[in-house]
C-alpha atoms as a PDB file:
ATOM      1  CA  MET A   1     164.601 190.514-132.355  1.00  0.00           C
ATOM      2  CA  THR A   2     166.073 188.335-135.454  1.00  0.00           C
ATOM      3  CA  ARG A   3     164.141 187.270-138.408  1.00  0.00           C
ATOM      4  CA  PRO A   4     164.702 183.986-139.888  1.00  0.00           C
ATOM      5  CA  TRP A   5     166.409 185.804-142.886  1.00  0.00           C
ATOM      6  CA  GLY A   6     169.554 186.719-140.411  1.00  0.00           C
ATOM      7  CA  LYS A   7     168.785 190.726-140.531  1.00  0.00           C
ATOM      8  CA  LYS A   8     167.445 192.498-137.360  1.00  0.00           C
ATOM      9  CA  TRP A   9     164.230 194.233-137.608  1.00  0.00           C
ATOM     10  CA  ARG A  10     165.913 197.283-136.779  1.00  0.00           C
ATOM     11  CA  GLU A  11     167.934 197.492-139.853  1.00  0.00           C
ATOM     12  CA  ILE A  12     165.367 196.578-141.991  1.00  0.00           C
ATOM     13  CA  MET A  13     162.528 198.571-140.567  1.00  0.00           C
ATOM     14  CA  SER A  14     161.781 202.082-141.663  1.00  0.00           C
ATOM     15  CA  VAL A  15     159.163 205.020-140.105  1.00  0.00           C
ATOM     16  CA  ALA A  16     157.351 206.877-142.646  1.00  0.00           C
ATOM     17  CA  LYS A  17     155.316 209.946-142.469  1.00  0.00           C
ATOM     18  CA  ILE A  18     152.454 211.255-144.690  1.00  0.00           C
ATOM     19  CA  ILE A  19     151.880 215.017-144.462  1.00  0.00           C
ATOM     20  CA  GLU A  20     149.160 217.125-147.201  1.00  0.00           C
ATOM     21  CA  ILE A  21     149.815 219.852-148.975  1.00  0.00           C
ATOM     22  CA  SER A  22     147.821 221.950-150.938  1.00  0.00           C
ATOM     23  CA  THR A  23     149.578 224.340-154.714  1.00  0.00           C
ATOM     24  CA  GLU A  24     148.470 225.571-157.361  1.00  0.00           C
ATOM     25  CA  SER A  25     148.786 226.784-160.464  1.00  0.00           C
ATOM     26  CA  PRO A  26     147.235 228.846-163.578  1.00  0.00           C
ATOM     27  CA  VAL A  27     148.683 226.442-166.558  1.00  0.00           C
ATOM     28  CA  SER A  28     147.804 222.974-165.257  1.00  0.00           C
ATOM     29  CA  PHE A  29     147.247 220.112-163.058  1.00  0.00           C
ATOM     30  CA  ASP A  30     150.721 218.589-163.812  1.00  0.00           C
ATOM     31  CA  GLU A  31     152.275 221.908-163.178  1.00  0.00           C
ATOM     32  CA  ALA A  32     150.876 222.236-160.167  1.00  0.00           C
ATOM     33  CA  MET A  33     151.726 218.805-158.494  1.00  0.00           C
ATOM     34  CA  ARG A  34     155.424 219.623-160.020  1.00  0.00           C
ATOM     35  CA  GLU A  35     155.808 222.794-158.531  1.00  0.00           C
ATOM     36  CA  GLY A  36     154.353 221.181-155.061  1.00  0.00           C
ATOM     37  CA  LEU A  37     156.660 218.093-154.628  1.00  0.00           C
ATOM     38  CA  ALA A  38     159.652 220.838-155.412  1.00  0.00           C
ATOM     39  CA  ARG A  39     158.838 223.398-152.940  1.00  0.00           C
ATOM     40  CA  ALA A  40     158.398 220.577-150.446  1.00  0.00           C
ATOM     41  CA  SER A  41     161.652 218.693-151.887  1.00  0.00           C
ATOM     42  CA  LYS A  42     163.374 222.043-150.458  1.00  0.00           C
ATOM     43  CA  THR A  43     162.711 221.378-146.948  1.00  0.00           C
ATOM     44  CA  ILE A  44     161.527 217.269-146.706  1.00  0.00           C
ATOM     45  CA  HIS A  45     163.959 215.028-147.456  1.00  0.00           C
ATOM     46  CA  ASN A  46     163.337 211.209-148.305  1.00  0.00           C
ATOM     47  CA  ILE A  47     160.222 211.429-150.366  1.00  0.00           C
ATOM     48  CA  ARG A  48     159.014 208.381-151.508  1.00  0.00           C
ATOM     49  CA  SER A  49     155.908 208.802-152.954  1.00  0.00           C
ATOM     50  CA  ALA A  50     152.648 211.647-152.978  1.00  0.00           C
ATOM     51  CA  TRP A  51     149.184 211.033-154.403  1.00  0.00           C
ATOM     52  CA  VAL A  52     146.734 213.508-155.567  1.00  0.00           C
ATOM     53  CA  LYS A  53     143.784 213.424-152.829  1.00  0.00           C
ATOM     54  CA  ASN A  54     141.621 216.174-154.654  1.00  0.00           C
ATOM     55  CA  GLN A  55     141.626 218.380-158.257  1.00  0.00           C
ATOM     56  CA  SER A  56     139.824 221.205-158.381  1.00  0.00           C
ATOM     57  CA  MET A  57     140.102 224.623-160.362  1.00  0.00           C
ATOM     58  CA  VAL A  58     138.827 228.153-159.788  1.00  0.00           C
ATOM     59  CA  VAL A  59     136.947 229.092-162.959  1.00  0.00           C
ATOM     60  CA  GLU A  60     136.533 233.366-164.086  1.00  0.00           C
ATOM     61  CA  ASN A  61     134.166 234.066-166.528  1.00  0.00           C
ATOM     62  CA  GLY A  62     133.953 231.099-167.961  1.00  0.00           C
ATOM     63  CA  LYS A  63     137.790 230.160-168.191  1.00  0.00           C
ATOM     64  CA  VAL A  64     140.272 228.279-166.040  1.00  0.00           C
ATOM     65  CA  LYS A  65     142.199 230.465-163.669  1.00  0.00           C
ATOM     66  CA  GLU A  66     144.125 228.265-161.604  1.00  0.00           C
ATOM     67  CA  TYR A  67     144.585 224.996-161.269  1.00  0.00           C
ATOM     68  CA  ARG A  68     144.707 223.433-157.270  1.00  0.00           C
ATOM     69  CA  VAL A  69     145.941 219.804-155.848  1.00  0.00           C
ATOM     70  CA  ASP A  70     146.077 218.732-152.692  1.00  0.00           C
ATOM     71  CA  LEU A  71     148.832 216.361-152.431  1.00  0.00           C
ATOM     72  CA  LYS A  72     149.430 213.448-149.706  1.00  0.00           C
ATOM     73  CA  VAL A  73     153.330 213.035-149.692  1.00  0.00           C
ATOM     74  CA  THR A  74     155.115 210.275-148.197  1.00  0.00           C
ATOM     75  CA  PHE A  75     158.492 210.171-146.922  1.00  0.00           C
ATOM     76  CA  VAL A  76     160.719 208.213-144.813  1.00  0.00           C
ATOM     77  CA  LEU A  77     162.006 209.701-141.492  1.00  0.00           C
ATOM     78  CA  ASP A  78     165.669 209.928-141.049  1.00  0.00           C
END
């Protein structure tokens, strides 16, 4: 199929997949997100975006013990 701008539809279309990952850190939400993406990047290539689905904290004796983040990660398939 050819589009008016001259490129075949197949050449400009990409297929993406969204996965959900959970990650945690004793330091901050920011560190949890960064560590989660770093870990995901070891086995998943072409990551294009991520967004926070949920954030929560584990509290112990009135203090934050862990910051937890659920991320949705989008990557483009080869």
